[in-house]
Amino acid sequence: MSAFAKAYSPLQIGPLTMRNRFIKAATNEGMAKGGVVSKGLARFHEKVAEGGAGLTTVAYCATSKDGRTFVDQATLDDDSVADFRALTDAVHKHGAAASAQITHAGSFTFLDKRTLQTNKPLSSSGGFNKVGVMSGRYFKKKMDESEIAAMTQEFVAAARRAKEAGFDAVELHMGHGYLLSQFVSKLYNKRRDEFGGSIEKRMNFPSEVLGRVLDAVGKDLAVIVKFSMTDGPKGNTIEDGVAVARRIEADGAHLAVLSNGMNVESITAMFGSSLPKRGARPSNPILRIGMFLQSLTEPPEVQFRENYLRELALRVRGEVSMPLAYLGGVQSREGVEQAMDDGFDAIAVGRALVHDPAFINQLQAGAVQQSGCTACNRCVTMMYTPGGTSCILTRDGIDPALNTVGAAA
């Protein structure tokens, strides 16, 4: 079987058989206005399923309302199950599977003081909260053991609701600076107990969450972990990333999605190219300030190259035997073949599917050899506009009016 044909062959991850090896990566669509799962969000993922993806990932399903980064993100609570069910039904109609990315923001939250119910956002360590400077929350709280136990249960409850809502998989987000990542990363975790210090100890809480979620839903849903192989120029190194992969393999995760970088410290390490310097300015003033501050610390112009995380991902591939999904700029038939030849089991695609949800089918049919995505990253800032995430080159896909009501309405 050729490398290209292998990408279109079925893949077993835990109890789930994917029809092919393409995963729509989580991209935080911004289509849950006021926290309500909208018809626009359901249609977005239906189009991805119709376009050929084997698995589509619904980004940022918070474990609780306090777990959101922004108010316009959905929560996996009892009120959202029916709307999420409408989304998963739409995906299943086209033969694809759906994954819920389960996340808690920790201290990486911009919820105002009237919305966030805790006085200080929770994190691995307390003290000054650099992210909170943008929203007036200058301090964060070090989680104690009772809060760690309660948060573990939050993740388990969210996973159970994902099952009830018809999802085929859950993705635990251990990267990019959210709560679980705040324990994994040496940039955030300054503890000196069993949850801090060495990478093995920093992984104890995320590992407990993974194990409990596997116990709760692992026989029925694929349990996936997304993590950052490095934090970027500072913080966790690739040696830490390899240790994370080894730990989640030992814990029994069904698949790991290999991402990179942090939302605040090293966003170019995540996207492989710089955020736009002009155009697509978010209306949210906090986001505008955040983008300005990042422009002061990030490299001036990082130029995109296809499969830009290949070298790091190969380090992980060489150290574990568990199924791995390569994530990082696959935009062509050649890029797909490279990832398959490198021994990765699946390919996670983000921006190319925002540009054209039918890219995977078109690639298989030979209608295209290369995505039209330019990696300009304007789709990243579009998530904060009324229509949510979209490509400025093909923006006619989603009607903003669809984002004002529940998916099941």
Protein backbone atom coordinates (compact mmCIF):
# COMPACT_ATOMS: atom_id res chain seq x y z
CA MET A 1 0.00 0.00 0.00
CA SER A 2 1.35 3.43 -0.92
CA ALA A 3 1.79 6.09 1.73
CA PHE A 4 -1.02 8.13 0.18
CA ALA A 5 -3.41 5.16 0.09
CA LYS A 6 -2.58 4.37 3.71
CA ALA A 7 -3.80 7.83 4.73
CA TYR A 8 -7.23 6.87 3.38
CA SER A 9 -7.32 3.46 5.05
CA PRO A 10 -9.21 2.78 8.33
CA LEU A 11 -7.52 3.33 11.70
CA GLN A 12 -8.46 1.73 15.01
CA ILE A 13 -7.98 3.93 18.09
CA GLY A 14 -9.36 2.32 21.21
CA PRO A 15 -12.97 1.32 20.55
CA LEU A 16 -13.27 3.65 17.54
CA THR A 17 -12.58 2.70 13.93
CA MET A 18 -11.97 5.83 11.85
CA ARG A 19 -12.85 5.54 8.17
CA ASN A 20 -9.53 7.17 7.29
CA ARG A 21 -6.55 8.72 9.07
CA PHE A 22 -7.46 12.39 8.72
CA ILE A 23 -8.47 14.32 11.84
CA LYS A 24 -9.88 17.82 11.76
CA ALA A 25 -7.70 19.44 14.44
CA ALA A 26 -9.34 21.55 17.13
CA THR A 27 -9.34 25.20 16.05
CA ASN A 28 -11.56 27.00 18.60
CA GLU A 29 -14.25 28.12 16.14
CA GLY A 30 -15.80 30.88 18.29
CA MET A 31 -19.31 29.76 17.30
CA ALA A 32 -20.87 29.30 20.73
CA LYS A 33 -22.10 32.81 21.39
CA GLY A 34 -22.97 33.25 25.03
CA GLY A 35 -21.86 29.67 25.57
CA VAL A 36 -24.63 28.19 23.39
CA VAL A 37 -23.73 25.54 20.80
CA SER A 38 -24.96 27.17 17.61
CA LYS A 39 -26.34 25.88 14.33
CA GLY A 40 -23.29 27.47 12.73
CA LEU A 41 -20.95 25.32 14.82
CA ALA A 42 -22.92 22.19 13.93
CA ARG A 43 -22.88 23.10 10.25
CA PHE A 44 -19.13 23.84 10.37
CA HIS A 45 -18.36 20.31 11.57
CA GLU A 46 -20.94 18.74 9.27
CA LYS A 47 -19.17 20.31 6.30
CA VAL A 48 -15.85 18.89 7.52
CA ALA A 49 -17.45 15.44 7.78
CA GLU A 50 -19.03 15.78 4.36
CA GLY A 51 -15.64 16.85 3.02
CA GLY A 52 -13.97 13.58 3.96
CA ALA A 53 -12.41 13.83 7.43
CA GLY A 54 -12.43 10.62 9.43
CA LEU A 55 -12.74 12.47 12.75
CA THR A 56 -13.65 16.09 13.43
CA THR A 57 -12.67 17.69 16.74
CA VAL A 58 -14.97 20.20 18.41
CA ALA A 59 -12.59 22.64 20.06
CA TYR A 60 -12.77 23.88 23.59
CA CYS A 61 -15.60 22.09 25.34
CA ALA A 62 -15.07 23.47 28.84
CA THR A 63 -15.50 21.24 31.89
CA SER A 64 -17.41 24.04 33.64
CA LYS A 65 -18.41 27.65 33.05
CA ASP A 66 -15.38 28.74 35.08
CA GLY A 67 -13.23 26.61 32.75
CA ARG A 68 -13.81 28.84 29.74
CA THR A 69 -11.22 31.21 28.32
CA PHE A 70 -13.92 33.46 26.84
CA VAL A 71 -17.63 33.75 27.48
CA ASP A 72 -18.42 32.58 23.93
CA GLN A 73 -17.24 29.02 24.50
CA ALA A 74 -19.41 26.00 25.15
CA THR A 75 -19.48 23.98 28.35
CA LEU A 76 -20.07 20.25 28.50
CA ASP A 77 -22.88 20.51 31.02
CA ASP A 78 -26.40 19.09 31.17
CA ASP A 79 -27.87 22.08 29.29
CA SER A 80 -25.59 21.58 26.27
CA VAL A 81 -26.07 17.85 25.68
CA ALA A 82 -29.03 18.20 23.29
CA ASP A 83 -27.27 20.80 21.15
CA PHE A 84 -24.07 18.77 21.05
CA ARG A 85 -26.18 15.75 20.07
CA ALA A 86 -27.52 17.69 17.08
CA LEU A 87 -23.91 18.38 16.05
CA THR A 88 -22.76 14.77 16.38
CA ASP A 89 -25.85 13.52 14.53
CA ALA A 90 -24.98 15.84 11.65
CA VAL A 91 -21.40 14.53 11.56
CA HIS A 92 -22.51 10.88 11.71
CA LYS A 93 -24.87 11.45 8.80
CA HIS A 94 -21.79 11.70 6.56
CA GLY A 95 -19.97 8.67 7.95
CA ALA A 96 -17.44 10.56 10.06
CA ALA A 97 -16.78 10.50 13.81
CA ALA A 98 -16.80 13.41 16.27
CA SER A 99 -14.43 14.19 19.13
CA ALA A 100 -15.01 16.61 22.02
CA GLN A 101 -11.90 18.47 23.12
CA ILE A 102 -12.30 18.69 26.90
CA THR A 103 -10.49 21.65 28.41
CA HIS A 104 -10.23 23.90 31.45
CA ALA A 105 -8.57 27.31 31.15
CA GLY A 106 -7.03 27.49 34.60
CA SER A 107 -5.39 30.90 34.87
CA PHE A 108 -5.54 31.41 31.09
CA THR A 109 -8.98 33.02 31.26
CA PHE A 110 -10.38 36.38 30.21
CA LEU A 111 -13.73 35.98 31.95
CA ASP A 112 -14.65 39.14 33.84
CA LYS A 113 -15.15 39.23 37.59
CA ARG A 114 -18.93 39.00 37.25
CA THR A 115 -18.66 35.81 35.18
CA LEU A 116 -15.81 33.90 36.82
CA GLN A 117 -17.18 32.58 40.09
CA THR A 118 -13.83 32.14 41.85
CA ASN A 119 -11.97 35.17 43.17
CA LYS A 120 -8.69 33.97 41.68
CA PRO A 121 -8.40 31.61 38.69
CA LEU A 122 -6.98 28.20 39.54
CA SER A 123 -3.56 27.05 38.38
CA SER A 124 -0.69 24.75 39.27
CA SER A 125 1.02 27.57 41.18
CA GLY A 126 -0.17 30.78 42.77
CA GLY A 127 1.11 34.33 42.62
CA PHE A 128 1.18 36.88 39.82
CA ASN A 129 -0.97 35.99 36.81
CA LYS A 130 0.60 37.51 33.70
CA VAL A 131 -2.39 36.58 31.53
CA GLY A 132 -4.71 38.27 34.02
CA VAL A 133 -3.09 41.65 33.38
CA MET A 134 -5.31 41.91 30.31
CA SER A 135 -8.53 41.28 32.27
CA GLY A 136 -7.82 42.70 35.72
CA ARG A 137 -7.15 39.32 37.36
CA TYR A 138 -3.63 39.89 38.57
CA PHE A 139 -3.29 36.86 40.82
CA LYS A 140 -3.92 33.11 40.47
CA LYS A 141 -4.49 30.43 43.10
CA LYS A 142 -2.37 27.35 43.65
CA MET A 143 -4.72 24.37 43.58
CA ASP A 144 -4.77 22.32 46.77
CA GLU A 145 -5.35 18.57 46.85
CA SER A 146 -9.11 18.90 47.34
CA GLU A 147 -9.35 21.22 44.32
CA ILE A 148 -7.23 18.82 42.26
CA ALA A 149 -9.57 15.95 43.19
CA ALA A 150 -12.64 18.05 42.36
CA MET A 151 -11.15 19.13 39.03
CA THR A 152 -10.40 15.52 38.13
CA GLN A 153 -14.06 14.75 38.65
CA GLU A 154 -15.01 17.73 36.45
CA PHE A 155 -13.09 16.18 33.56
CA VAL A 156 -14.71 12.80 34.18
CA ALA A 157 -18.20 14.32 34.29
CA ALA A 158 -17.54 16.21 31.05
CA ALA A 159 -16.35 13.00 29.36
CA ARG A 160 -19.52 11.21 30.43
CA ARG A 161 -21.64 14.02 29.01
CA ALA A 162 -19.67 13.80 25.76
CA LYS A 163 -20.66 10.16 25.55
CA GLU A 164 -24.31 11.09 26.24
CA ALA A 165 -24.10 13.73 23.49
CA GLY A 166 -23.06 11.13 20.91
CA PHE A 167 -19.36 11.88 20.60
CA ASP A 168 -17.13 9.02 19.48
CA ALA A 169 -13.98 10.35 21.18
CA VAL A 170 -12.77 12.84 23.74
CA GLU A 171 -9.53 14.78 23.49
CA LEU A 172 -7.89 15.88 26.74
CA HIS A 173 -6.00 19.11 26.09
CA MET A 174 -2.63 19.02 27.87
CA GLY A 175 -1.01 21.73 25.76
CA HIS A 176 -0.96 25.39 24.79
CA GLY A 177 -1.07 26.83 28.32
CA TYR A 178 -4.47 25.64 29.56
CA LEU A 179 -4.90 24.12 33.03
CA LEU A 180 -3.48 20.62 32.45
CA SER A 181 -0.60 22.21 30.55
CA GLN A 182 -0.02 24.57 33.49
CA PHE A 183 0.86 21.48 35.50
CA VAL A 184 2.95 19.90 32.71
CA SER A 185 4.96 23.04 31.90
CA LYS A 186 7.93 24.19 33.94
CA LEU A 187 7.02 27.75 32.90
CA TYR A 188 3.92 27.58 35.10
CA ASN A 189 4.45 24.76 37.59
CA LYS A 190 6.68 25.85 40.49
CA ARG A 191 5.33 23.35 43.01
CA ARG A 192 7.54 21.26 45.26
CA ASP A 193 5.08 18.52 46.18
CA GLU A 194 4.05 15.36 44.32
CA PHE A 195 2.52 17.53 41.57
CA GLY A 196 5.65 19.56 40.77
CA GLY A 197 9.38 19.45 40.24
CA SER A 198 10.46 16.78 37.74
CA ILE A 199 8.46 16.15 34.57
CA GLU A 200 7.32 12.86 36.11
CA LYS A 201 5.81 14.72 39.06
CA ARG A 202 4.43 17.53 36.89
CA MET A 203 2.54 14.86 34.98
CA ASN A 204 0.87 13.35 38.05
CA PHE A 205 -2.33 15.42 37.93
CA PRO A 206 -2.82 15.21 34.13
CA SER A 207 -2.06 11.49 34.34
CA GLU A 208 -4.70 11.04 37.03
CA VAL A 209 -7.24 12.85 34.85
CA LEU A 210 -6.37 10.62 31.90
CA GLY A 211 -6.65 7.44 33.94
CA ARG A 212 -9.99 8.40 35.43
CA VAL A 213 -11.42 9.38 32.05
CA LEU A 214 -10.23 6.08 30.57
CA ASP A 215 -11.94 4.23 33.40
CA ALA A 216 -15.16 6.19 32.89
CA VAL A 217 -15.57 6.14 29.10
CA GLY A 218 -12.57 4.35 27.57
CA LYS A 219 -14.50 1.22 26.64
CA ASP A 220 -16.98 3.26 24.61
CA LEU A 221 -15.03 6.32 23.41
CA ALA A 222 -11.54 6.82 22.05
CA VAL A 223 -9.55 8.80 24.61
CA ILE A 224 -7.06 11.11 22.89
CA VAL A 225 -4.45 13.40 24.43
CA LYS A 226 -3.23 16.57 22.74
CA PHE A 227 -0.03 18.02 24.17
CA SER A 228 2.74 20.45 23.33
CA MET A 229 6.00 18.68 22.48
CA THR A 230 7.86 21.82 23.61
CA ASP A 231 6.77 25.13 25.14
CA GLY A 232 8.79 27.01 22.55
CA PRO A 233 12.14 28.76 23.10
CA LYS A 234 11.74 28.59 26.90
CA GLY A 235 10.16 26.07 29.24
CA ASN A 236 9.59 22.42 28.36
CA THR A 237 12.06 20.93 25.90
CA ILE A 238 11.60 18.04 23.50
CA GLU A 239 13.05 15.76 26.20
CA ASP A 240 10.09 16.77 28.38
CA GLY A 241 7.77 16.15 25.44
CA VAL A 242 9.12 12.64 25.00
CA ALA A 243 8.59 12.01 28.72
CA VAL A 244 4.97 13.17 28.40
CA ALA A 245 4.42 10.79 25.49
CA ARG A 246 5.91 7.90 27.43
CA ARG A 247 3.69 8.65 30.42
CA ILE A 248 0.42 8.83 28.49
CA GLU A 249 1.39 5.69 26.58
CA ALA A 250 1.89 3.89 29.90
CA ASP A 251 -1.45 5.28 31.11
CA GLY A 252 -3.22 3.75 28.11
CA ALA A 253 -4.19 6.75 25.97
CA HIS A 254 -5.56 5.57 22.64
CA LEU A 255 -3.90 8.31 20.54
CA ALA A 256 -1.68 11.36 21.05
CA VAL A 257 -1.96 14.50 18.92
CA LEU A 258 1.48 16.13 18.72
CA SER A 259 1.15 19.89 18.95
CA ASN A 260 3.63 22.53 20.07
CA GLY A 261 3.98 25.91 21.74
CA MET A 262 1.94 28.04 24.10
CA ASN A 263 -0.87 30.56 23.56
CA VAL A 264 0.97 33.40 25.27
CA GLU A 265 4.67 32.62 25.28
CA SER A 266 5.24 31.10 21.85
CA ILE A 267 2.30 31.20 19.49
CA THR A 268 4.54 30.99 16.40
CA ALA A 269 5.85 27.67 17.74
CA MET A 270 2.24 26.50 17.57
CA PHE A 271 1.28 27.83 14.14
CA GLY A 272 4.62 27.78 12.36
CA SER A 273 4.05 31.32 11.09
CA SER A 274 3.41 34.75 12.55
CA LEU A 275 0.04 36.25 13.42
CA PRO A 276 -1.12 38.90 10.95
CA LYS A 277 0.37 42.32 11.55
CA ARG A 278 -2.61 44.07 9.98
CA GLY A 279 -6.18 43.23 9.06
CA ALA A 280 -8.68 40.93 10.80
CA ARG A 281 -8.31 42.83 14.07
CA PRO A 282 -10.53 41.27 16.72
CA SER A 283 -13.23 43.53 18.17
CA ASN A 284 -12.42 42.24 21.65
CA PRO A 285 -10.05 44.85 23.18
CA ILE A 286 -8.37 42.22 25.37
CA LEU A 287 -7.44 40.26 22.25
CA ARG A 288 -6.08 43.37 20.57
CA ILE A 289 -3.88 44.08 23.59
CA GLY A 290 -2.78 40.45 23.71
CA MET A 291 -1.81 40.43 20.04
CA PHE A 292 0.14 43.66 20.54
CA LEU A 293 2.03 42.24 23.51
CA GLN A 294 2.83 39.08 21.57
CA SER A 295 4.19 41.17 18.73
CA LEU A 296 6.76 42.58 21.16
CA THR A 297 8.07 39.16 22.26
CA GLU A 298 7.61 36.91 19.22
CA PRO A 299 10.08 36.71 16.32
CA PRO A 300 9.28 39.48 13.79
CA GLU A 301 8.35 37.30 10.82
CA VAL A 302 8.22 33.50 11.01
CA GLN A 303 7.74 32.08 7.53
CA PHE A 304 5.53 29.02 7.13
CA ARG A 305 6.91 25.74 5.79
CA GLU A 306 4.89 22.59 5.28
CA ASN A 307 5.22 19.88 7.97
CA TYR A 308 7.03 22.42 10.16
CA LEU A 309 6.86 20.25 13.30
CA ARG A 310 8.27 17.16 11.59
CA GLU A 311 11.65 17.16 13.32
CA LEU A 312 10.16 17.41 16.81
CA ALA A 313 7.46 14.85 16.06
CA LEU A 314 10.02 12.36 14.78
CA ARG A 315 11.78 12.57 18.15
CA VAL A 316 8.55 11.44 19.84
CA ARG A 317 7.84 8.84 17.17
CA GLY A 318 11.20 7.25 17.83
CA GLU A 319 10.52 6.82 21.54
CA VAL A 320 6.97 5.42 21.78
CA SER A 321 4.95 2.81 19.94
CA MET A 322 1.46 4.18 20.72
CA PRO A 323 -0.63 5.66 17.88
CA LEU A 324 0.41 9.22 17.07
CA ALA A 325 -1.27 11.92 15.00
CA TYR A 326 1.08 14.32 13.25
CA LEU A 327 -0.09 17.95 13.48
CA GLY A 328 1.78 20.81 11.88
CA GLY A 329 1.14 22.26 8.46
CA VAL A 330 0.18 19.34 6.19
CA GLN A 331 -1.21 21.10 3.12
CA SER A 332 -0.56 18.85 0.13
CA ARG A 333 -0.44 15.31 -1.18
CA GLU A 334 3.32 15.43 -0.68
CA GLY A 335 2.88 16.49 2.94
CA VAL A 336 0.43 13.63 3.55
CA GLU A 337 2.86 11.11 2.06
CA GLN A 338 5.70 12.50 4.18
CA ALA A 339 3.71 12.09 7.41
CA MET A 340 2.70 8.54 6.50
CA ASP A 341 6.24 7.59 5.44
CA ASP A 342 7.51 8.97 8.77
CA GLY A 343 5.42 6.38 10.58
CA PHE A 344 2.64 8.52 12.00
CA ASP A 345 -0.71 6.81 12.32
CA ALA A 346 -2.95 9.80 11.59
CA ILE A 347 -2.75 13.36 10.32
CA ALA A 348 -4.42 16.29 12.08
CA VAL A 349 -5.29 19.18 9.78
CA GLY A 350 -6.51 22.60 10.93
CA ARG A 351 -6.19 25.67 8.75
CA ALA A 352 -6.41 23.79 5.44
CA LEU A 353 -9.88 22.54 6.46
CA VAL A 354 -10.96 25.99 7.61
CA HIS A 355 -9.98 27.14 4.13
CA ASP A 356 -11.81 24.27 2.43
CA PRO A 357 -13.69 21.59 4.39
CA ALA A 358 -13.71 19.39 1.26
CA PHE A 359 -9.91 19.37 0.96
CA ILE A 360 -9.52 15.72 2.01
CA ASN A 361 -11.99 14.40 -0.56
CA GLN A 362 -10.57 16.65 -3.27
CA LEU A 363 -7.04 15.48 -2.52
CA GLN A 364 -8.08 11.84 -2.80
CA ALA A 365 -9.90 12.47 -6.06
CA GLY A 366 -6.89 14.23 -7.55
CA ALA A 367 -8.85 17.46 -7.98
CA VAL A 368 -6.14 19.30 -6.04
CA GLN A 369 -2.56 18.56 -5.06
CA GLN A 370 -2.11 21.50 -2.69
CA SER A 371 -4.37 23.43 -0.32
CA GLY A 372 -5.11 27.05 -1.12
CA CYS A 373 -4.44 27.96 2.52
CA THR A 374 -1.65 30.55 2.81
CA ALA A 375 -1.10 30.09 6.60
CA CYS A 376 -1.73 33.82 7.03
CA ASN A 377 -3.41 33.06 10.40
CA ARG A 378 -6.22 35.55 9.89
CA CYS A 379 -8.60 32.65 10.62
CA VAL A 380 -7.09 32.61 14.13
CA THR A 381 -8.29 36.16 14.79
CA MET A 382 -11.58 35.63 12.92
CA MET A 383 -12.86 33.44 15.77
CA TYR A 384 -13.64 36.63 17.71
CA THR A 385 -15.82 38.15 14.97
CA PRO A 386 -19.63 37.63 14.78
CA GLY A 387 -19.30 34.81 12.23
CA GLY A 388 -16.60 32.94 14.12
CA THR A 389 -13.59 31.22 12.59
CA SER A 390 -13.46 31.38 8.81
CA CYS A 391 -10.98 31.84 6.00
CA ILE A 392 -10.79 35.35 4.54
CA LEU A 393 -10.22 33.77 1.12
CA THR A 394 -13.38 31.62 1.24
CA ARG A 395 -15.50 33.46 3.80
CA ASP A 396 -18.91 32.71 2.27
CA GLY A 397 -19.26 29.40 4.17
CA ILE A 398 -21.09 30.27 7.43
CA ASP A 399 -23.96 32.71 7.94
CA PRO A 400 -23.23 34.72 11.13
CA ALA A 401 -26.95 34.56 11.98
CA LEU A 402 -26.59 30.81 12.52
CA ASN A 403 -24.40 31.49 15.53
CA THR A 404 -27.13 33.07 17.66
CA VAL A 405 -29.22 29.99 18.47
CA GLY A 406 -28.70 26.48 19.71
CA ALA A 407 -27.87 23.70 17.30
CA ALA A 408 -30.95 21.76 18.38
CA ALA A 409 -33.33 24.69 18.00
